[in-house]
Structures are given as C-alpha cells and as structure tokens.
Amino acid sequence: VHGMSAVTAVTVQNSLGVQGFSEIPADIVTAQIKAVA
C-alpha cells in the first residue's frame, strides 16, 4: 500500500533507547493530515 505520514514528534533515538523528543505543533500535525486526505 502507498504510505503517507503526519509526523507528531521527533525523537532522539537509537538502539540503546530514547534520549529525548520534541513535539510538532498541533496545527502542523493537523495540516499534514488534511493535506494528504
């Protein structure tokens, strides 16, 4: 299937675990969903 994405957060992560994350602003998340839908 063709995959599309709305990114909600960016994690700082590797095989050892998550060192941190930063959220994407909610309005940008919803704009991504509306754009592809």
PDB file of all heavy atoms in Angstrom:
ATOM      1  N   VAL A   1       0.849  -1.185   0.000  1.00  0.00           N
ATOM      2  CA  VAL A   1       0.000   0.000   0.000  1.00  0.00           C
ATOM      3  C   VAL A   1       0.889   1.241   0.000  1.00  0.00           C
ATOM      4  O   VAL A   1       2.052   1.189   0.410  1.00  0.00           O
ATOM      5  CB  VAL A   1      -0.971   0.043   1.204  1.00  0.00           C
ATOM      6  CG1 VAL A   1      -1.879  -1.171   1.209  1.00  0.00           C
ATOM      7  CG2 VAL A   1      -0.224   0.152   2.515  1.00  0.00           C
ATOM      8  N   HIS A   2       0.331   2.353  -0.482  1.00  0.00           N
ATOM      9  CA  HIS A   2       1.079   3.606  -0.509  1.00  0.00           C
ATOM     10  C   HIS A   2       0.991   4.261   0.863  1.00  0.00           C
ATOM     11  O   HIS A   2      -0.096   4.572   1.338  1.00  0.00           O
ATOM     12  CB  HIS A   2       0.510   4.557  -1.576  1.00  0.00           C
ATOM     13  CG  HIS A   2       1.188   5.888  -1.602  1.00  0.00           C
ATOM     14  ND1 HIS A   2       2.387   6.096  -2.243  1.00  0.00           N
ATOM     15  CD2 HIS A   2       0.844   7.078  -1.032  1.00  0.00           C
ATOM     16  CE1 HIS A   2       2.752   7.358  -2.086  1.00  0.00           C
ATOM     17  NE2 HIS A   2       1.832   7.971  -1.359  1.00  0.00           N
ATOM     18  N   GLY A   3       2.142   4.474   1.485  1.00  0.00           N
ATOM     19  CA  GLY A   3       2.179   5.040   2.825  1.00  0.00           C
ATOM     20  C   GLY A   3       2.301   6.554   2.828  1.00  0.00           C
ATOM     21  O   GLY A   3       3.061   7.136   2.046  1.00  0.00           O
ATOM     22  N   MET A   4       1.544   7.194   3.719  1.00  0.00           N
ATOM     23  CA  MET A   4       1.599   8.642   3.921  1.00  0.00           C
ATOM     24  C   MET A   4       1.771   8.888   5.415  1.00  0.00           C
ATOM     25  O   MET A   4       1.453   8.019   6.224  1.00  0.00           O
ATOM     26  CB  MET A   4       0.309   9.289   3.413  1.00  0.00           C
ATOM     27  CG  MET A   4      -0.004   8.933   1.962  1.00  0.00           C
ATOM     28  SD  MET A   4      -1.622   9.530   1.409  1.00  0.00           S
ATOM     29  CE  MET A   4      -2.729   8.626   2.493  1.00  0.00           C
ATOM     30  N   SER A   5       2.258  10.077   5.779  1.00  0.00           N
ATOM     31  CA  SER A   5       2.555  10.295   7.193  1.00  0.00           C
ATOM     32  C   SER A   5       2.205  11.702   7.642  1.00  0.00           C
ATOM     33  O   SER A   5       2.286  12.659   6.866  1.00  0.00           O
ATOM     34  CB  SER A   5       4.035  10.033   7.485  1.00  0.00           C
ATOM     35  OG  SER A   5       4.853  10.933   6.759  1.00  0.00           O
ATOM     36  N   ALA A   6       1.812  11.794   8.912  1.00  0.00           N
ATOM     37  CA  ALA A   6       1.690  13.057   9.623  1.00  0.00           C
ATOM     38  C   ALA A   6       2.572  12.922  10.856  1.00  0.00           C
ATOM     39  O   ALA A   6       2.249  12.145  11.769  1.00  0.00           O
ATOM     40  CB  ALA A   6       0.244  13.339  10.007  1.00  0.00           C
ATOM     41  N   VAL A   7       3.675  13.632  10.881  1.00  0.00           N
ATOM     42  CA  VAL A   7       4.659  13.491  11.951  1.00  0.00           C
ATOM     43  C   VAL A   7       4.206  14.297  13.166  1.00  0.00           C
ATOM     44  O   VAL A   7       3.890  15.482  13.060  1.00  0.00           O
ATOM     45  CB  VAL A   7       6.047  13.965  11.495  1.00  0.00           C
ATOM     46  CG1 VAL A   7       7.082  13.740  12.598  1.00  0.00           C
ATOM     47  CG2 VAL A   7       6.471  13.239  10.228  1.00  0.00           C
ATOM     48  N   THR A   8       4.158  13.641  14.321  1.00  0.00           N
ATOM     49  CA  THR A   8       3.691  14.279  15.554  1.00  0.00           C
ATOM     50  C   THR A   8       4.820  14.694  16.488  1.00  0.00           C
ATOM     51  O   THR A   8       4.638  15.570  17.330  1.00  0.00           O
ATOM     52  CB  THR A   8       2.781  13.319  16.332  1.00  0.00           C
ATOM     53  OG1 THR A   8       3.547  12.134  16.663  1.00  0.00           O
ATOM     54  CG2 THR A   8       1.570  12.915  15.498  1.00  0.00           C
ATOM     55  N   ALA A   9       5.965  14.036  16.366  1.00  0.00           N
ATOM     56  CA  ALA A   9       7.097  14.315  17.243  1.00  0.00           C
ATOM     57  C   ALA A   9       8.367  13.790  16.590  1.00  0.00           C
ATOM     58  O   ALA A   9       8.317  12.892  15.749  1.00  0.00           O
ATOM     59  CB  ALA A   9       6.909  13.656  18.616  1.00  0.00           C
ATOM     60  N   VAL A  10       9.478  14.366  16.980  1.00  0.00           N
ATOM     61  CA  VAL A  10      10.786  13.906  16.519  1.00  0.00           C
ATOM     62  C   VAL A  10      11.542  13.376  17.733  1.00  0.00           C
ATOM     63  O   VAL A  10      11.740  14.119  18.707  1.00  0.00           O
ATOM     64  CB  VAL A  10      11.581  15.034  15.847  1.00  0.00           C
ATOM     65  CG1 VAL A  10      12.981  14.560  15.475  1.00  0.00           C
ATOM     66  CG2 VAL A  10      10.844  15.553  14.605  1.00  0.00           C
ATOM     67  N   THR A  11      11.919  12.113  17.687  1.00  0.00           N
ATOM     68  CA  THR A  11      12.653  11.537  18.810  1.00  0.00           C
ATOM     69  C   THR A  11      14.147  11.517  18.528  1.00  0.00           C
ATOM     70  O   THR A  11      14.580  11.429  17.385  1.00  0.00           O
ATOM     71  CB  THR A  11      12.199  10.097  19.118  1.00  0.00           C
ATOM     72  OG1 THR A  11      12.611   9.226  18.051  1.00  0.00           O
ATOM     73  CG2 THR A  11      10.695  10.020  19.306  1.00  0.00           C
ATOM     74  N   VAL A  12      14.915  11.608  19.589  1.00  0.00           N
ATOM     75  CA  VAL A  12      16.358  11.385  19.548  1.00  0.00           C
ATOM     76  C   VAL A  12      16.548   9.964  20.054  1.00  0.00           C
ATOM     77  O   VAL A  12      16.443   9.694  21.244  1.00  0.00           O
ATOM     78  CB  VAL A  12      17.108  12.394  20.435  1.00  0.00           C
ATOM     79  CG1 VAL A  12      18.616  12.145  20.377  1.00  0.00           C
ATOM     80  CG2 VAL A  12      16.770  13.815  20.027  1.00  0.00           C
ATOM     81  N   GLN A  13      16.808   9.042  19.155  1.00  0.00           N
ATOM     82  CA  GLN A  13      16.664   7.627  19.494  1.00  0.00           C
ATOM     83  C   GLN A  13      17.637   6.774  18.696  1.00  0.00           C
ATOM     84  O   GLN A  13      17.952   7.066  17.544  1.00  0.00           O
ATOM     85  CB  GLN A  13      15.218   7.207  19.163  1.00  0.00           C
ATOM     86  CG  GLN A  13      14.841   5.802  19.557  1.00  0.00           C
ATOM     87  CD  GLN A  13      13.364   5.512  19.348  1.00  0.00           C
ATOM     88  OE1 GLN A  13      12.917   4.402  19.554  1.00  0.00           O
ATOM     89  NE2 GLN A  13      12.584   6.521  18.939  1.00  0.00           N
ATOM     90  N   ASN A  14      18.121   5.715  19.336  1.00  0.00           N
ATOM     91  CA  ASN A  14      18.926   4.708  18.654  1.00  0.00           C
ATOM     92  C   ASN A  14      18.634   3.356  19.288  1.00  0.00           C
ATOM     93  O   ASN A  14      17.617   3.205  19.985  1.00  0.00           O
ATOM     94  CB  ASN A  14      20.420   5.065  18.703  1.00  0.00           C
ATOM     95  CG  ASN A  14      20.935   5.260  20.119  1.00  0.00           C
ATOM     96  OD1 ASN A  14      20.378   4.742  21.088  1.00  0.00           O
ATOM     97  ND2 ASN A  14      22.014   6.026  20.255  1.00  0.00           N
ATOM     98  N   SER A  15      19.473   2.376  19.060  1.00  0.00           N
ATOM     99  CA  SER A  15      19.199   1.032  19.569  1.00  0.00           C
ATOM    100  C   SER A  15      19.286   0.941  21.085  1.00  0.00           C
ATOM    101  O   SER A  15      18.828  -0.036  21.685  1.00  0.00           O
ATOM    102  CB  SER A  15      20.163   0.024  18.938  1.00  0.00           C
ATOM    103  OG  SER A  15      21.490   0.233  19.414  1.00  0.00           O
ATOM    104  N   LEU A  16      19.865   1.961  21.718  1.00  0.00           N
ATOM    105  CA  LEU A  16      20.031   1.959  23.173  1.00  0.00           C
ATOM    106  C   LEU A  16      18.873   2.615  23.906  1.00  0.00           C
ATOM    107  O   LEU A  16      18.754   2.494  25.119  1.00  0.00           O
ATOM    108  CB  LEU A  16      21.344   2.658  23.544  1.00  0.00           C
ATOM    109  CG  LEU A  16      22.618   1.986  23.030  1.00  0.00           C
ATOM    110  CD1 LEU A  16      23.826   2.851  23.321  1.00  0.00           C
ATOM    111  CD2 LEU A  16      22.786   0.599  23.623  1.00  0.00           C
ATOM    112  N   GLY A  17      18.016   3.342  23.182  1.00  0.00           N
ATOM    113  CA  GLY A  17      16.878   3.966  23.826  1.00  0.00           C
ATOM    114  C   GLY A  17      16.589   5.348  23.291  1.00  0.00           C
ATOM    115  O   GLY A  17      17.194   5.806  22.316  1.00  0.00           O
ATOM    116  N   VAL A  18      15.646   6.020  23.947  1.00  0.00           N
ATOM    117  CA  VAL A  18      15.219   7.362  23.563  1.00  0.00           C
ATOM    118  C   VAL A  18      15.903   8.364  24.486  1.00  0.00           C
ATOM    119  O   VAL A  18      15.717   8.327  25.699  1.00  0.00           O
ATOM    120  CB  VAL A  18      13.682   7.504  23.665  1.00  0.00           C
ATOM    121  CG1 VAL A  18      13.253   8.920  23.282  1.00  0.00           C
ATOM    122  CG2 VAL A  18      12.994   6.472  22.779  1.00  0.00           C
ATOM    123  N   GLN A  19      16.670   9.263  23.888  1.00  0.00           N
ATOM    124  CA  GLN A  19      17.369  10.271  24.692  1.00  0.00           C
ATOM    125  C   GLN A  19      16.552  11.560  24.845  1.00  0.00           C
ATOM    126  O   GLN A  19      16.860  12.404  25.681  1.00  0.00           O
ATOM    127  CB  GLN A  19      18.719  10.595  24.062  1.00  0.00           C
ATOM    128  CG  GLN A  19      19.767   9.496  24.245  1.00  0.00           C
ATOM    129  CD  GLN A  19      19.637   8.379  23.214  1.00  0.00           C
ATOM    130  OE1 GLN A  19      19.610   8.641  22.015  1.00  0.00           O
ATOM    131  NE2 GLN A  19      19.564   7.147  23.678  1.00  0.00           N
ATOM    132  N   GLY A  20      15.520  11.714  24.035  1.00  0.00           N
ATOM    133  CA  GLY A  20      14.687  12.896  24.129  1.00  0.00           C
ATOM    134  C   GLY A  20      13.725  12.967  22.963  1.00  0.00           C
ATOM    135  O   GLY A  20      13.834  12.196  22.001  1.00  0.00           O
ATOM    136  N   PHE A  21      12.741  13.879  23.061  1.00  0.00           N
ATOM    137  CA  PHE A  21      11.864  14.104  21.911  1.00  0.00           C
ATOM    138  C   PHE A  21      11.284  15.505  21.962  1.00  0.00           C
ATOM    139  O   PHE A  21      11.246  16.149  23.015  1.00  0.00           O
ATOM    140  CB  PHE A  21      10.749  13.046  21.828  1.00  0.00           C
ATOM    141  CG  PHE A  21       9.704  13.112  22.917  1.00  0.00           C
ATOM    142  CD1 PHE A  21       8.606  13.965  22.819  1.00  0.00           C
ATOM    143  CD2 PHE A  21       9.795  12.292  24.040  1.00  0.00           C
ATOM    144  CE1 PHE A  21       7.631  14.000  23.804  1.00  0.00           C
ATOM    145  CE2 PHE A  21       8.828  12.323  25.037  1.00  0.00           C
ATOM    146  CZ  PHE A  21       7.739  13.190  24.919  1.00  0.00           C
ATOM    147  N   SER A  22      10.876  15.974  20.805  1.00  0.00           N
ATOM    148  CA  SER A  22      10.261  17.287  20.681  1.00  0.00           C
ATOM    149  C   SER A  22       8.983  17.158  19.873  1.00  0.00           C
ATOM    150  O   SER A  22       8.978  16.547  18.798  1.00  0.00           O
ATOM    151  CB  SER A  22      11.217  18.257  19.978  1.00  0.00           C
ATOM    152  OG  SER A  22      10.629  19.546  19.848  1.00  0.00           O
ATOM    153  N   GLU A  23       7.884  17.719  20.406  1.00  0.00           N
ATOM    154  CA  GLU A  23       6.605  17.622  19.712  1.00  0.00           C
ATOM    155  C   GLU A  23       6.539  18.589  18.534  1.00  0.00           C
ATOM    156  O   GLU A  23       7.135  19.664  18.553  1.00  0.00           O
ATOM    157  CB  GLU A  23       5.438  17.936  20.659  1.00  0.00           C
ATOM    158  CG  GLU A  23       5.367  17.067  21.901  1.00  0.00           C
ATOM    159  CD  GLU A  23       6.041  17.712  23.101  1.00  0.00           C
ATOM    160  OE1 GLU A  23       6.759  18.733  22.915  1.00  0.00           O
ATOM    161  OE2 GLU A  23       5.882  17.203  24.218  1.00  0.00           O
ATOM    162  N   ILE A  24       5.795  18.188  17.508  1.00  0.00           N
ATOM    163  CA  ILE A  24       5.464  19.067  16.400  1.00  0.00           C
ATOM    164  C   ILE A  24       4.230  19.881  16.816  1.00  0.00           C
ATOM    165  O   ILE A  24       3.325  19.338  17.452  1.00  0.00           O
ATOM    166  CB  ILE A  24       5.154  18.242  15.131  1.00  0.00           C
ATOM    167  CG1 ILE A  24       6.348  17.350  14.769  1.00  0.00           C
ATOM    168  CG2 ILE A  24       4.769  19.151  13.968  1.00  0.00           C
ATOM    169  CD1 ILE A  24       7.602  18.087  14.404  1.00  0.00           C
ATOM    170  N   PRO A  25       4.157  21.167  16.489  1.00  0.00           N
ATOM    171  CA  PRO A  25       2.955  21.942  16.840  1.00  0.00           C
ATOM    172  C   PRO A  25       1.681  21.285  16.317  1.00  0.00           C
ATOM    173  O   PRO A  25       1.654  20.748  15.202  1.00  0.00           O
ATOM    174  CB  PRO A  25       3.210  23.292  16.164  1.00  0.00           C
ATOM    175  CG  PRO A  25       4.700  23.400  16.085  1.00  0.00           C
ATOM    176  CD  PRO A  25       5.190  22.000  15.852  1.00  0.00           C
ATOM    177  N   ALA A  26       0.635  21.314  17.122  1.00  0.00           N
ATOM    178  CA  ALA A  26      -0.610  20.604  16.785  1.00  0.00           C
ATOM    179  C   ALA A  26      -1.191  21.064  15.460  1.00  0.00           C
ATOM    180  O   ALA A  26      -1.736  20.257  14.697  1.00  0.00           O
ATOM    181  CB  ALA A  26      -1.627  20.787  17.909  1.00  0.00           C
ATOM    182  N   ASP A  27      -1.069  22.364  15.147  1.00  0.00           N
ATOM    183  CA  ASP A  27      -1.637  22.838  13.889  1.00  0.00           C
ATOM    184  C   ASP A  27      -0.891  22.306  12.680  1.00  0.00           C
ATOM    185  O   ASP A  27      -1.478  22.107  11.608  1.00  0.00           O
ATOM    186  CB  ASP A  27      -1.690  24.370  13.868  1.00  0.00           C
ATOM    187  CG  ASP A  27      -0.318  25.015  13.974  1.00  0.00           C
ATOM    188  OD1 ASP A  27       0.587  24.417  14.583  1.00  0.00           O
ATOM    189  OD2 ASP A  27      -0.147  26.125  13.437  1.00  0.00           O
ATOM    190  N   ILE A  28       0.404  22.023  12.831  1.00  0.00           N
ATOM    191  CA  ILE A  28       1.176  21.429  11.742  1.00  0.00           C
ATOM    192  C   ILE A  28       0.806  19.960  11.572  1.00  0.00           C
ATOM    193  O   ILE A  28       0.726  19.442  10.451  1.00  0.00           O
ATOM    194  CB  ILE A  28       2.692  21.571  12.003  1.00  0.00           C
ATOM    195  CG1 ILE A  28       3.067  23.052  12.082  1.00  0.00           C
ATOM    196  CG2 ILE A  28       3.498  20.868  10.923  1.00  0.00           C
ATOM    197  CD1 ILE A  28       2.790  23.839  10.815  1.00  0.00           C
ATOM    198  N   VAL A  29       0.554  19.276  12.695  1.00  0.00           N
ATOM    199  CA  VAL A  29       0.103  17.877  12.612  1.00  0.00           C
ATOM    200  C   VAL A  29      -1.211  17.790  11.836  1.00  0.00           C
ATOM    201  O   VAL A  29      -1.363  16.979  10.913  1.00  0.00           O
ATOM    202  CB  VAL A  29      -0.060  17.264  14.017  1.00  0.00           C
ATOM    203  CG1 VAL A  29      -0.644  15.851  13.921  1.00  0.00           C
ATOM    204  CG2 VAL A  29       1.274  17.230  14.751  1.00  0.00           C
ATOM    205  N   THR A  30      -2.166  18.636  12.210  1.00  0.00           N
ATOM    206  CA  THR A  30      -3.465  18.574  11.539  1.00  0.00           C
ATOM    207  C   THR A  30      -3.363  19.008  10.091  1.00  0.00           C
ATOM    208  O   THR A  30      -4.064  18.463   9.222  1.00  0.00           O
ATOM    209  CB  THR A  30      -4.499  19.445  12.279  1.00  0.00           C
ATOM    210  OG1 THR A  30      -4.065  20.800  12.301  1.00  0.00           O
ATOM    211  CG2 THR A  30      -4.683  18.967  13.700  1.00  0.00           C
ATOM    212  N   ALA A  31      -2.487  19.970   9.788  1.00  0.00           N
ATOM    213  CA  ALA A  31      -2.310  20.397   8.398  1.00  0.00           C
ATOM    214  C   ALA A  31      -1.771  19.259   7.536  1.00  0.00           C
ATOM    215  O   ALA A  31      -2.158  19.117   6.366  1.00  0.00           O
ATOM    216  CB  ALA A  31      -1.380  21.605   8.337  1.00  0.00           C
ATOM    217  N   GLN A  32      -0.883  18.438   8.096  1.00  0.00           N
ATOM    218  CA  GLN A  32      -0.363  17.290   7.351  1.00  0.00           C
ATOM    219  C   GLN A  32      -1.496  16.315   7.004  1.00  0.00           C
ATOM    220  O   GLN A  32      -1.589  15.813   5.882  1.00  0.00           O
ATOM    221  CB  GLN A  32       0.696  16.563   8.176  1.00  0.00           C
ATOM    222  CG  GLN A  32       1.977  17.335   8.412  1.00  0.00           C
ATOM    223  CD  GLN A  32       2.915  16.573   9.338  1.00  0.00           C
ATOM    224  OE1 GLN A  32       3.643  15.675   8.908  1.00  0.00           O
ATOM    225  NE2 GLN A  32       2.901  16.923  10.618  1.00  0.00           N
ATOM    226  N   ILE A  33      -2.350  16.037   7.998  1.00  0.00           N
ATOM    227  CA  ILE A  33      -3.463  15.106   7.764  1.00  0.00           C
ATOM    228  C   ILE A  33      -4.386  15.643   6.684  1.00  0.00           C
ATOM    229  O   ILE A  33      -4.763  14.925   5.740  1.00  0.00           O
ATOM    230  CB  ILE A  33      -4.251  14.879   9.074  1.00  0.00           C
ATOM    231  CG1 ILE A  33      -3.360  14.230  10.134  1.00  0.00           C
ATOM    232  CG2 ILE A  33      -5.477  13.999   8.805  1.00  0.00           C
ATOM    233  CD1 ILE A  33      -3.994  14.189  11.520  1.00  0.00           C
ATOM    234  N   LYS A  34      -4.745  16.911   6.776  1.00  0.00           N
ATOM    235  CA  LYS A  34      -5.662  17.496   5.802  1.00  0.00           C
ATOM    236  C   LYS A  34      -5.046  17.535   4.404  1.00  0.00           C
ATOM    237  O   LYS A  34      -5.745  17.330   3.392  1.00  0.00           O
ATOM    238  CB  LYS A  34      -6.059  18.902   6.240  1.00  0.00           C
ATOM    239  CG  LYS A  34      -6.962  18.931   7.462  1.00  0.00           C
ATOM    240  CD  LYS A  34      -7.297  20.359   7.863  1.00  0.00           C
ATOM    241  CE  LYS A  34      -8.215  20.405   9.063  1.00  0.00           C
ATOM    242  NZ  LYS A  34      -8.528  21.798   9.471  1.00  0.00           N
ATOM    243  N   ALA A  35      -3.749  17.785   4.332  1.00  0.00           N
ATOM    244  CA  ALA A  35      -3.084  17.875   3.037  1.00  0.00           C
ATOM    245  C   ALA A  35      -3.173  16.567   2.260  1.00  0.00           C
ATOM    246  O   ALA A  35      -3.531  16.557   1.074  1.00  0.00           O
ATOM    247  CB  ALA A  35      -1.622  18.285   3.225  1.00  0.00           C
ATOM    248  N   VAL A  36      -2.878  15.462   2.925  1.00  0.00           N
ATOM    249  CA  VAL A  36      -2.882  14.187   2.206  1.00  0.00           C
ATOM    250  C   VAL A  36      -4.291  13.640   2.018  1.00  0.00           C
ATOM    251  O   VAL A  36      -4.620  13.078   0.970  1.00  0.00           O
ATOM    252  CB  VAL A  36      -1.970  13.146   2.890  1.00  0.00           C
ATOM    253  CG1 VAL A  36      -0.527  13.620   2.887  1.00  0.00           C
ATOM    254  CG2 VAL A  36      -2.413  12.843   4.306  1.00  0.00           C
ATOM    255  N   ALA A  37      -5.146  13.818   3.039  1.00  0.00           N
ATOM    256  CA  ALA A  37      -6.513  13.303   2.926  1.00  0.00           C
ATOM    257  C   ALA A  37      -7.290  14.036   1.843  1.00  0.00           C
ATOM    258  O   ALA A  37      -8.063  13.425   1.088  1.00  0.00           O
ATOM    259  CB  ALA A  37      -7.236  13.428   4.265  1.00  0.00           C
TER     260      ALA A  37
END
